[in-house]
Structure formats: structure tokens, C-alpha cells
PDB file of N, CA and C in Angstrom:
ATOM      1  N   MET A   1      84.040 104.063 110.484  1.00  0.00           N
ATOM      2  CA  MET A   1      84.672 104.363 108.956  1.00  0.00           C
ATOM      3  C   MET A   1      84.021 104.208 108.351  1.00  0.00           C
ATOM      4  N   LEU A   2      83.030 102.808 107.830  1.00  0.00           N
ATOM      5  CA  LEU A   2      81.750 102.476 107.028  1.00  0.00           C
ATOM      6  C   LEU A   2      81.091 103.796 107.253  1.00  0.00           C
ATOM      7  N   SER A   3      80.279 103.662 108.731  1.00  0.00           N
ATOM      8  CA  SER A   3      79.410 104.219 109.041  1.00  0.00           C
ATOM      9  C   SER A   3      79.452 106.234 108.607  1.00  0.00           C
ATOM     10  N   ASP A   4      80.783 106.187 108.533  1.00  0.00           N
ATOM     11  CA  ASP A   4      80.973 107.580 108.454  1.00  0.00           C
ATOM     12  C   ASP A   4      80.706 108.093 106.411  1.00  0.00           C
ATOM     13  N   TYR A   5      81.265 106.191 105.975  1.00  0.00           N
ATOM     14  CA  TYR A   5      81.095 107.151 104.582  1.00  0.00           C
ATOM     15  C   TYR A   5      79.180 107.043 104.254  1.00  0.00           C
ATOM     16  N   ARG A   6      78.926 105.838 104.963  1.00  0.00           N
ATOM     17  CA  ARG A   6      77.523 105.996 104.707  1.00  0.00           C
ATOM     18  C   ARG A   6      76.361 107.428 104.636  1.00  0.00           C
ATOM     19  N   THR A   7      76.827 107.597 105.675  1.00  0.00           N
ATOM     20  CA  THR A   7      76.695 109.181 105.901  1.00  0.00           C
ATOM     21  C   THR A   7      76.889 110.236 105.115  1.00  0.00           C
ATOM     22  N   TRP A   8      78.289 110.331 104.486  1.00  0.00           N
ATOM     23  CA  TRP A   8      78.620 110.944 103.724  1.00  0.00           C
ATOM     24  C   TRP A   8      77.695 110.769 102.719  1.00  0.00           C
ATOM     25  N   LEU A   9      77.634 109.536 102.079  1.00  0.00           N
ATOM     26  CA  LEU A   9      76.919 109.139 100.704  1.00  0.00           C
ATOM     27  C   LEU A   9      75.256 110.134 101.289  1.00  0.00           C
ATOM     28  N   GLU A  10      74.980 109.955 102.135  1.00  0.00           N
ATOM     29  CA  GLU A  10      73.174 109.809 102.278  1.00  0.00           C
ATOM     30  C   GLU A  10      73.363 111.568 102.058  1.00  0.00           C
ATOM     31  N   SER A  11      74.220 112.240 102.767  1.00  0.00           N
ATOM     32  CA  SER A  11      74.361 113.692 103.089  1.00  0.00           C
ATOM     33  C   SER A  11      74.423 113.946 101.023  1.00  0.00           C
ATOM     34  N   GLU A  12      75.239 113.527 100.440  1.00  0.00           N
ATOM     35  CA  GLU A  12      75.804 113.794  99.123  1.00  0.00           C
ATOM     36  C   GLU A  12      73.874 113.485  98.623  1.00  0.00           C
ATOM     37  N   LEU A  13      73.650 112.648  98.686  1.00  0.00           N
ATOM     38  CA  LEU A  13      72.151 112.028  97.856  1.00  0.00           C
ATOM     39  C   LEU A  13      71.290 113.560  98.070  1.00  0.00           C
ATOM     40  N   ALA A  14      71.464 113.912  99.742  1.00  0.00           N
ATOM     41  CA  ALA A  14      70.359 114.586  99.939  1.00  0.00           C
ATOM     42  C   ALA A  14      70.757 115.992  99.151  1.00  0.00           C
ATOM     43  N   LEU A  15      71.787 116.398  99.289  1.00  0.00           N
ATOM     44  CA  LEU A  15      72.226 117.168  98.269  1.00  0.00           C
ATOM     45  C   LEU A  15      71.887 117.770  96.544  1.00  0.00           C
ATOM     46  N   LEU A  16      72.221 116.139  96.414  1.00  0.00           N
ATOM     47  CA  LEU A  16      71.908 116.356  94.772  1.00  0.00           C
ATOM     48  C   LEU A  16      70.651 116.047  94.515  1.00  0.00           C
ATOM     49  N   GLY A  17      70.203 115.583  95.734  1.00  0.00           N
ATOM     50  CA  GLY A  17      68.637 115.702  95.436  1.00  0.00           C
ATOM     51  C   GLY A  17      67.969 116.845  95.010  1.00  0.00           C
ATOM     52  N   ASN A  18      68.466 117.747  95.916  1.00  0.00           N
ATOM     53  CA  ASN A  18      67.952 119.212  95.763  1.00  0.00           C
ATOM     54  C   ASN A  18      68.307 120.167  94.438  1.00  0.00           C
ATOM     55  N   ALA A  19      68.932 119.447  93.815  1.00  0.00           N
ATOM     56  CA  ALA A  19      69.482 119.912  92.361  1.00  0.00           C
ATOM     57  C   ALA A  19      69.226 119.214  91.299  1.00  0.00           C
ATOM     58  N   SER A  20      68.105 118.248  92.009  1.00  0.00           N
ATOM     59  CA  SER A  20      67.739 117.362  90.640  1.00  0.00           C
ATOM     60  C   SER A  20      67.149 117.758  88.790  1.00  0.00           C
ATOM     61  N   HIS A  21      67.001 118.946  89.194  1.00  0.00           N
ATOM     62  CA  HIS A  21      66.600 119.768  87.648  1.00  0.00           C
ATOM     63  C   HIS A  21      67.544 119.449  87.103  1.00  0.00           C
ATOM     64  N   HIS A  22      68.731 119.256  87.405  1.00  0.00           N
ATOM     65  CA  HIS A  22      70.257 119.304  86.623  1.00  0.00           C
ATOM     66  C   HIS A  22      70.070 117.915  86.307  1.00  0.00           C
ATOM     67  N   ALA A  23      70.498 117.343  84.913  1.00  0.00           N
ATOM     68  CA  ALA A  23      70.845 116.137  84.683  1.00  0.00           C
ATOM     69  C   ALA A  23      71.684 115.618  85.153  1.00  0.00           C
ATOM     70  N   TYR A  24      73.100 116.176  85.211  1.00  0.00           N
ATOM     71  CA  TYR A  24      74.611 115.857  86.221  1.00  0.00           C
ATOM     72  C   TYR A  24      73.689 115.461  87.439  1.00  0.00           C
ATOM     73  N   ALA A  25      73.263 116.406  88.348  1.00  0.00           N
ATOM     74  CA  ALA A  25      73.154 116.487  89.904  1.00  0.00           C
ATOM     75  C   ALA A  25      72.137 114.998  89.712  1.00  0.00           C
ATOM     76  N   PHE A  26      71.336 114.913  88.973  1.00  0.00           N
ATOM     77  CA  PHE A  26      70.256 113.660  88.713  1.00  0.00           C
ATOM     78  C   PHE A  26      70.837 112.259  88.668  1.00  0.00           C
ATOM     79  N   GLY A  27      71.924 112.376  87.666  1.00  0.00           N
ATOM     80  CA  GLY A  27      73.051 111.434  87.482  1.00  0.00           C
ATOM     81  C   GLY A  27      73.760 110.598  88.692  1.00  0.00           C
ATOM     82  N   GLN A  28      74.468 112.112  89.102  1.00  0.00           N
ATOM     83  CA  GLN A  28      75.075 111.580  90.318  1.00  0.00           C
ATOM     84  C   GLN A  28      74.216 111.366  91.882  1.00  0.00           C
ATOM     85  N   ALA A  29      72.778 112.115  91.776  1.00  0.00           N
ATOM     86  CA  ALA A  29      72.169 110.891  93.190  1.00  0.00           C
ATOM     87  C   ALA A  29      71.988 109.654  92.638  1.00  0.00           C
ATOM     88  N   ASN A  30      71.559 109.199  91.925  1.00  0.00           N
ATOM     89  CA  ASN A  30      71.360 108.136  91.167  1.00  0.00           C
ATOM     90  C   ASN A  30      72.567 107.356  91.543  1.00  0.00           C
ATOM     91  N   MET A  31      74.004 107.463  91.488  1.00  0.00           N
ATOM     92  CA  MET A  31      74.717 106.801  91.593  1.00  0.00           C
ATOM     93  C   MET A  31      74.871 106.751  93.375  1.00  0.00           C
ATOM     94  N   ALA A  32      74.724 108.076  93.974  1.00  0.00           N
ATOM     95  CA  ALA A  32      75.115 108.011  95.602  1.00  0.00           C
ATOM     96  C   ALA A  32      74.035 106.859  95.931  1.00  0.00           C
ATOM     97  N   LYS A  33      73.155 106.836  95.222  1.00  0.00           N
ATOM     98  CA  LYS A  33      72.005 105.673  95.513  1.00  0.00           C
ATOM     99  C   LYS A  33      72.437 104.688  95.329  1.00  0.00           C
ATOM    100  N   ARG A  34      72.625 103.718  94.436  1.00  0.00           N
ATOM    101  CA  ARG A  34      73.501 102.707  94.505  1.00  0.00           C
ATOM    102  C   ARG A  34      74.720 102.415  95.213  1.00  0.00           C
ATOM    103  N   ALA A  35      75.240 103.340  95.242  1.00  0.00           N
ATOM    104  CA  ALA A  35      76.710 102.882  96.080  1.00  0.00           C
ATOM    105  C   ALA A  35      75.898 102.756  97.578  1.00  0.00           C
ATOM    106  N   ILE A  36      74.957 103.380  98.164  1.00  0.00           N
ATOM    107  CA  ILE A  36      74.279 103.458  99.538  1.00  0.00           C
ATOM    108  C   ILE A  36      73.857 101.576  99.620  1.00  0.00           C
ATOM    109  N   GLU A  37      73.390 101.023  98.474  1.00  0.00           N
ATOM    110  CA  GLU A  37      72.207 100.050  98.512  1.00  0.00           C
ATOM    111  C   GLU A  37      73.838  98.691  98.743  1.00  0.00           C
ATOM    112  N   ARG A  38      74.278  99.160  97.716  1.00  0.00           N
ATOM    113  CA  ARG A  38      75.377  98.376  97.640  1.00  0.00           C
ATOM    114  C   ARG A  38      76.646  98.044  98.404  1.00  0.00           C
ATOM    115  N   LEU A  39      77.118  98.969  99.722  1.00  0.00           N
ATOM    116  CA  LEU A  39      77.605  99.134 100.701  1.00  0.00           C
ATOM    117  C   LEU A  39      76.442  98.505 102.027  1.00  0.00           C
ATOM    118  N   ASP A  40      75.144  98.545 101.784  1.00  0.00           N
ATOM    119  CA  ASP A  40      74.290  98.123 102.493  1.00  0.00           C
ATOM    120  C   ASP A  40      74.526  96.054 102.279  1.00  0.00           C
ATOM    121  N   GLU A  41      74.246  95.808 100.999  1.00  0.00           N
ATOM    122  CA  GLU A  41      74.932  94.747 100.723  1.00  0.00           C
ATOM    123  C   GLU A  41      75.691  93.884 101.083  1.00  0.00           C
ATOM    124  N   GLU A  42      77.007  94.570 101.058  1.00  0.00           N
ATOM    125  CA  GLU A  42      78.031  93.719 101.131  1.00  0.00           C
ATOM    126  C   GLU A  42      78.427  93.850 102.727  1.00  0.00           C
ATOM    127  N   THR A  43      77.766  94.672 103.696  1.00  0.00           N
ATOM    128  CA  THR A  43      78.120  95.128 104.701  1.00  0.00           C
ATOM    129  C   THR A  43      77.079  94.228 105.840  1.00  0.00           C
ATOM    130  N   SER A  44      75.718  93.535 105.121  1.00  0.00           N
ATOM    131  CA  SER A  44      74.432  93.158 105.760  1.00  0.00           C
ATOM    132  C   SER A  44      74.642  92.257 106.695  1.00  0.00           C
ATOM    133  N   ASP A  45      75.668  91.255 106.717  1.00  0.00           N
ATOM    134  CA  ASP A  45      76.249  89.689 107.135  1.00  0.00           C
ATOM    135  C   ASP A  45      77.554  89.933 107.790  1.00  0.00           C
ATOM    136  N   LYS A  46      78.085  90.971 107.100  1.00  0.00           N
ATOM    137  CA  LYS A  46      79.252  91.192 108.129  1.00  0.00           C
ATOM    138  C   LYS A  46      79.691  91.759 109.843  1.00  0.00           C
ATOM    139  N   VAL A  47      80.925  91.672 110.154  1.00  0.00           N
ATOM    140  CA  VAL A  47      81.307  92.270 111.360  1.00  0.00           C
ATOM    141  C   VAL A  47      82.255  93.059 110.756  1.00  0.00           C
ATOM    142  N   ILE A  48      82.512  94.337 110.696  1.00  0.00           N
ATOM    143  CA  ILE A  48      83.501  95.337 110.529  1.00  0.00           C
ATOM    144  C   ILE A  48      84.360  95.847 111.406  1.00  0.00           C
ATOM    145  N   LEU A  49      85.675  95.320 111.247  1.00  0.00           N
ATOM    146  CA  LEU A  49      86.914  95.937 112.191  1.00  0.00           C
ATOM    147  C   LEU A  49      87.650  96.992 111.881  1.00  0.00           C
ATOM    148  N   THR A  50      87.883  97.798 112.894  1.00  0.00           N
ATOM    149  CA  THR A  50      89.481  98.755 112.126  1.00  0.00           C
ATOM    150  C   THR A  50      89.844  98.363 113.332  1.00  0.00           C
ATOM    151  N   LEU A  51      91.236  97.859 112.748  1.00  0.00           N
ATOM    152  CA  LEU A  51      92.718  98.172 113.427  1.00  0.00           C
ATOM    153  C   LEU A  51      93.820  98.622 113.036  1.00  0.00           C
ATOM    154  N   GLU A  52      94.567  99.019 114.120  1.00  0.00           N
ATOM    155  CA  GLU A  52      95.740 100.139 113.573  1.00  0.00           C
ATOM    156  C   GLU A  52      96.383  98.756 113.318  1.00  0.00           C
ATOM    157  N   ARG A  53      97.486  99.465 112.182  1.00  0.00           N
ATOM    158  CA  ARG A  53      98.262  98.398 111.775  1.00  0.00           C
ATOM    159  C   ARG A  53      99.054  97.431 112.931  1.00  0.00           C
ATOM    160  N   GLY A  54      99.474  98.419 113.859  1.00  0.00           N
ATOM    161  CA  GLY A  54     100.343  97.662 115.096  1.00  0.00           C
ATOM    162  C   GLY A  54      99.374  96.771 115.705  1.00  0.00           C
ATOM    163  N   GLU A  55      98.303  96.921 115.960  1.00  0.00           N
ATOM    164  CA  GLU A  55      97.280  96.087 116.779  1.00  0.00           C
ATOM    165  C   GLU A  55      96.686  94.902 116.162  1.00  0.00           C
ATOM    166  N   ALA A  56      96.773  95.176 114.839  1.00  0.00           N
ATOM    167  CA  ALA A  56      96.629  93.595 113.842  1.00  0.00           C
ATOM    168  C   ALA A  56      97.697  92.792 113.859  1.00  0.00           C
ATOM    169  N   ALA A  57      99.039  93.610 114.097  1.00  0.00           N
ATOM    170  CA  ALA A  57     100.315  92.883 114.059  1.00  0.00           C
ATOM    171  C   ALA A  57     100.580  92.148 115.092  1.00  0.00           C
ATOM    172  N   ALA A  58     100.242  92.718 116.004  1.00  0.00           N
ATOM    173  CA  ALA A  58      99.881  91.995 117.106  1.00  0.00           C
ATOM    174  C   ALA A  58      99.069  91.194 117.713  1.00  0.00           C
ATOM    175  N   ILE A  59      97.883  90.931 116.950  1.00  0.00           N
ATOM    176  CA  ILE A  59      97.251  89.752 117.396  1.00  0.00           C
ATOM    177  C   ILE A  59      97.774  88.875 116.508  1.00  0.00           C
ATOM    178  N   SER A  60      98.487  89.081 115.453  1.00  0.00           N
ATOM    179  CA  SER A  60      98.474  88.292 113.991  1.00  0.00           C
ATOM    180  C   SER A  60     100.131  87.510 115.083  1.00  0.00           C
ATOM    181  N   THR A  61     100.893  88.147 115.687  1.00  0.00           N
ATOM    182  CA  THR A  61     102.065  87.614 116.344  1.00  0.00           C
ATOM    183  C   THR A  61     101.559  86.805 116.989  1.00  0.00           C
ATOM    184  N   ALA A  62     100.402  87.361 118.181  1.00  0.00           N
ATOM    185  CA  ALA A  62     100.219  86.396 119.104  1.00  0.00           C
ATOM    186  C   ALA A  62      99.341  84.864 118.596  1.00  0.00           C
ATOM    187  N   LEU A  63      98.848  85.058 117.546  1.00  0.00           N
ATOM    188  CA  LEU A  63      98.337  83.605 117.180  1.00  0.00           C
ATOM    189  C   LEU A  63      99.055  82.557 116.589  1.00  0.00           C
ATOM    190  N   GLU A  64     100.358  83.491 115.900  1.00  0.00           N
ATOM    191  CA  GLU A  64     101.313  82.826 115.186  1.00  0.00           C
ATOM    192  C   GLU A  64     102.106  81.980 116.747  1.00  0.00           C
ATOM    193  N   MET A  65     102.183  82.854 117.627  1.00  0.00           N
ATOM    194  CA  MET A  65     103.095  82.226 118.980  1.00  0.00           C
ATOM    195  C   MET A  65     102.043  81.229 119.738  1.00  0.00           C
ATOM    196  N   LEU A  66     100.404  81.330 119.656  1.00  0.00           N
ATOM    197  CA  LEU A  66      99.995  80.513 119.856  1.00  0.00           C
ATOM    198  C   LEU A  66     100.145  79.040 119.223  1.00  0.00           C
ATOM    199  N   GLU A  67     100.026  79.130 117.627  1.00  0.00           N
ATOM    200  CA  GLU A  67      99.739  78.151 117.028  1.00  0.00           C
ATOM    201  C   GLU A  67     101.503  77.547 117.518  1.00  0.00           C
ATOM    202  N   GLU A  68     102.644  77.674 117.440  1.00  0.00           N
ATOM    203  CA  GLU A  68     104.047  77.334 117.801  1.00  0.00           C
ATOM    204  C   GLU A  68     104.066  76.630 118.871  1.00  0.00           C
ATOM    205  N   ALA A  69     102.812  77.345 120.336  1.00  0.00           N
ATOM    206  CA  ALA A  69     102.733  76.533 121.299  1.00  0.00           C
ATOM    207  C   ALA A  69     102.060  75.326 121.329  1.00  0.00           C
ATOM    208  N   THR A  70     101.119  75.194 120.438  1.00  0.00           N
ATOM    209  CA  THR A  70     100.116  74.303 120.735  1.00  0.00           C
ATOM    210  C   THR A  70     100.074  73.691 119.450  1.00  0.00           C
ATOM    211  N   THR A  71     100.816  73.679 118.326  1.00  0.00           N
ATOM    212  CA  THR A  71     100.961  73.114 117.364  1.00  0.00           C
ATOM    213  C   THR A  71      99.969  73.248 116.306  1.00  0.00           C
ATOM    214  N   THR A  72      98.875  73.671 116.684  1.00  0.00           N
ATOM    215  CA  THR A  72      97.610  73.988 115.678  1.00  0.00           C
ATOM    216  C   THR A  72      96.708  74.569 116.185  1.00  0.00           C
ATOM    217  N   LEU A  73      96.227  75.610 115.511  1.00  0.00           N
ATOM    218  CA  LEU A  73      94.859  76.661 115.962  1.00  0.00           C
ATOM    219  C   LEU A  73      93.936  76.277 115.806  1.00  0.00           C
ATOM    220  N   PRO A  74      92.772  76.335 116.612  1.00  0.00           N
ATOM    221  CA  PRO A  74      91.854  76.270 116.315  1.00  0.00           C
ATOM    222  C   PRO A  74      90.934  76.456 114.832  1.00  0.00           C
ATOM    223  N   PRO A  75      90.277  76.260 114.177  1.00  0.00           N
ATOM    224  CA  PRO A  75      89.555  76.896 112.935  1.00  0.00           C
ATOM    225  C   PRO A  75      89.456  78.128 112.551  1.00  0.00           C
ATOM    226  N   ALA A  76      88.712  78.588 114.035  1.00  0.00           N
ATOM    227  CA  ALA A  76      88.358  79.814 113.870  1.00  0.00           C
ATOM    228  C   ALA A  76      89.580  80.852 113.851  1.00  0.00           C
ATOM    229  N   LEU A  77      90.592  80.684 114.969  1.00  0.00           N
ATOM    230  CA  LEU A  77      91.482  81.488 115.015  1.00  0.00           C
ATOM    231  C   LEU A  77      92.301  81.522 113.705  1.00  0.00           C
ATOM    232  N   ALA A  78      92.770  80.348 113.118  1.00  0.00           N
ATOM    233  CA  ALA A  78      93.384  80.215 111.917  1.00  0.00           C
ATOM    234  C   ALA A  78      92.676  80.679 110.754  1.00  0.00           C
ATOM    235  N   GLY A  79      91.584  80.793 110.728  1.00  0.00           N
ATOM    236  CA  GLY A  79      90.407  81.577 110.114  1.00  0.00           C
ATOM    237  C   GLY A  79      90.891  83.423 110.182  1.00  0.00           C
ATOM    238  N   LEU A  80      91.038  83.554 111.333  1.00  0.00           N
ATOM    239  CA  LEU A  80      91.550  84.950 111.591  1.00  0.00           C
ATOM    240  C   LEU A  80      93.004  85.577 111.137  1.00  0.00           C
ATOM    241  N   ARG A  81      93.603  84.651 111.612  1.00  0.00           N
ATOM    242  CA  ARG A  81      94.891  84.589 110.694  1.00  0.00           C
ATOM    243  C   ARG A  81      94.964  84.965 109.444  1.00  0.00           C
ATOM    244  N   GLU A  82      94.444  84.164 108.891  1.00  0.00           N
ATOM    245  CA  GLU A  82      94.723  84.197 107.554  1.00  0.00           C
ATOM    246  C   GLU A  82      94.047  85.548 106.822  1.00  0.00           C
ATOM    247  N   ARG A  83      92.780  85.763 107.441  1.00  0.00           N
ATOM    248  CA  ARG A  83      92.544  86.887 107.349  1.00  0.00           C
ATOM    249  C   ARG A  83      93.087  88.367 107.763  1.00  0.00           C
ATOM    250  N   LEU A  84      93.529  87.929 108.213  1.00  0.00           N
ATOM    251  CA  LEU A  84      94.964  89.301 108.830  1.00  0.00           C
ATOM    252  C   LEU A  84      95.937  89.257 107.798  1.00  0.00           C
ATOM    253  N   HIS A  85      96.233  88.411 107.399  1.00  0.00           N
ATOM    254  CA  HIS A  85      97.686  88.177 106.553  1.00  0.00           C
ATOM    255  C   HIS A  85      96.987  88.828 105.178  1.00  0.00           C
ATOM    256  N   VAL A  86      96.059  88.387 104.892  1.00  0.00           N
ATOM    257  CA  VAL A  86      95.054  88.952 103.033  1.00  0.00           C
ATOM    258  C   VAL A  86      95.067  90.577 103.537  1.00  0.00           C
ATOM    259  N   GLY A  87      94.756  91.184 105.031  1.00  0.00           N
ATOM    260  CA  GLY A  87      94.685  92.692 104.786  1.00  0.00           C
ATOM    261  C   GLY A  87      95.710  93.358 105.185  1.00  0.00           C
ATOM    262  N   PHE A  88      96.885  92.372 105.525  1.00  0.00           N
ATOM    263  CA  PHE A  88      98.112  92.966 105.147  1.00  0.00           C
ATOM    264  C   PHE A  88      98.519  92.949 103.773  1.00  0.00           C
ATOM    265  N   SER A  89      98.368  92.125 103.085  1.00  0.00           N
ATOM    266  CA  SER A  89      98.499  92.045 101.565  1.00  0.00           C
ATOM    267  C   SER A  89      97.630  93.288 100.818  1.00  0.00           C
ATOM    268  N   GLU A  90      96.423  93.551 101.178  1.00  0.00           N
ATOM    269  CA  GLU A  90      95.612  94.226 100.324  1.00  0.00           C
ATOM    270  C   GLU A  90      96.568  95.787 100.963  1.00  0.00           C
ATOM    271  N   ALA A  91      96.861  96.214 102.439  1.00  0.00           N
ATOM    272  CA  ALA A  91      97.425  97.273 102.332  1.00  0.00           C
ATOM    273  C   ALA A  91      98.663  97.212 102.311  1.00  0.00           C
ATOM    274  N   GLY A  92      99.141  96.817 101.398  1.00  0.00           N
ATOM    275  CA  GLY A  92     100.691  96.842 100.907  1.00  0.00           C
ATOM    276  C   GLY A  92     102.009  96.361 101.952  1.00  0.00           C
ATOM    277  N   GLY A  93     101.712  94.934 102.371  1.00  0.00           N
ATOM    278  CA  GLY A  93     102.787  93.692 102.630  1.00  0.00           C
ATOM    279  C   GLY A  93     102.037  94.304 103.935  1.00  0.00           C
ATOM    280  N   ALA A  94     103.342  93.362 104.763  1.00  0.00           N
ATOM    281  CA  ALA A  94     103.309  92.583 106.406  1.00  0.00           C
ATOM    282  C   ALA A  94     103.576  94.229 107.310  1.00  0.00           C
ATOM    283  N   ALA A  95     103.243  94.221 108.116  1.00  0.00           N
ATOM    284  CA  ALA A  95     103.448  95.303 109.339  1.00  0.00           C
ATOM    285  C   ALA A  95     104.925  95.066 109.508  1.00  0.00           C
ATOM    286  N   LYS A  96     105.253  96.715 109.759  1.00  0.00           N
ATOM    287  CA  LYS A  96     106.687  96.662 109.807  1.00  0.00           C
ATOM    288  C   LYS A  96     107.578  95.395 110.703  1.00  0.00           C
ATOM    289  N   ASN A  97     108.213  95.478 110.506  1.00  0.00           N
ATOM    290  CA  ASN A  97     109.492  94.059 111.356  1.00  0.00           C
ATOM    291  C   ASN A  97     108.556  92.498 111.937  1.00  0.00           C
ATOM    292  N   GLU A  98     107.421  92.461 110.762  1.00  0.00           N
ATOM    293  CA  GLU A  98     106.725  91.312 111.079  1.00  0.00           C
ATOM    294  C   GLU A  98     106.877  90.484 109.354  1.00  0.00           C
ATOM    295  N   THR A  99     107.120  89.316 109.597  1.00  0.00           N
ATOM    296  CA  THR A  99     107.247  88.393 108.195  1.00  0.00           C
ATOM    297  C   THR A  99     105.771  87.369 108.435  1.00  0.00           C
ATOM    298  N   HIS A 100     105.247  86.454 107.385  1.00  0.00           N
ATOM    299  CA  HIS A 100     104.430  85.639 107.699  1.00  0.00           C
ATOM    300  C   HIS A 100     104.605  84.268 107.335  1.00  0.00           C
ATOM    301  N   PRO A 101     104.700  83.228 107.612  1.00  0.00           N
ATOM    302  CA  PRO A 101     104.793  81.775 107.145  1.00  0.00           C
ATOM    303  C   PRO A 101     104.619  81.888 105.550  1.00  0.00           C
ATOM    304  N   ALA A 102     103.268  82.422 105.602  1.00  0.00           N
ATOM    305  CA  ALA A 102     102.960  82.312 103.777  1.00  0.00           C
ATOM    306  C   ALA A 102     103.688  83.326 103.171  1.00  0.00           C
ATOM    307  N   ASP A 103     104.165  84.197 103.508  1.00  0.00           N
ATOM    308  CA  ASP A 103     104.868  85.199 103.030  1.00  0.00           C
ATOM    309  C   ASP A 103     106.786  84.841 102.497  1.00  0.00           C
ATOM    310  N   ALA A 104     107.149  83.243 103.122  1.00  0.00           N
ATOM    311  CA  ALA A 104     108.222  83.179 102.884  1.00  0.00           C
ATOM    312  C   ALA A 104     108.614  82.091 102.064  1.00  0.00           C
TER     313      ALA A 104
END
């Protein structure tokens, strides 16, 4: 998903660069260049995953079930569960038929 966005920005930059004699195109090309630089900066030390909502909900549920069975999650898994909860919140709430203890 992000690689597609980066590719699109690069194509826009090339297209606008060919019309750089127009002030508007020059400004748009600079904006596209800054967007590519910012995208690279923001993602350089991250692993980006794209999950379907149902898949993310299943992972979250499995982590919650594991926590119930063991009474505690290793810090890495607890962090993953929290990141999933944040992702649900940012995407407009919990997955269908799923509630999280943090939301209660």
C-alpha cells in the first residue's frame, strides 16, 4: 500500500517535472518531493503490515484468549495487542462483534 503511494508520488513528480516551466507545476513537484522524503523518513525504521479488519480482529482475540489462559502476555505481545487496539480506534472503532477491555 505504501509502496504504491510512493510509486504514485514519484510518477507525479516526474510528470510535474516535465511541466516545470509553469509555476504551479513547480510548486506541486516540490510538494511531491517533500511528501516522498517525509514518507521515507517516517517509514525507514518501521515494518508496515496491512491487515484486513477481520484478520486483525482474529489476532486481537487470540491475544486476549492467550492472556486469559496465562494471566499475562509477554511485553512484545501485549504491545502488539495495544497497537491493534489503537489501529481499531483510528479506523473507526472495534471490529464487528468485538469489544476490548480498554474500551469498557
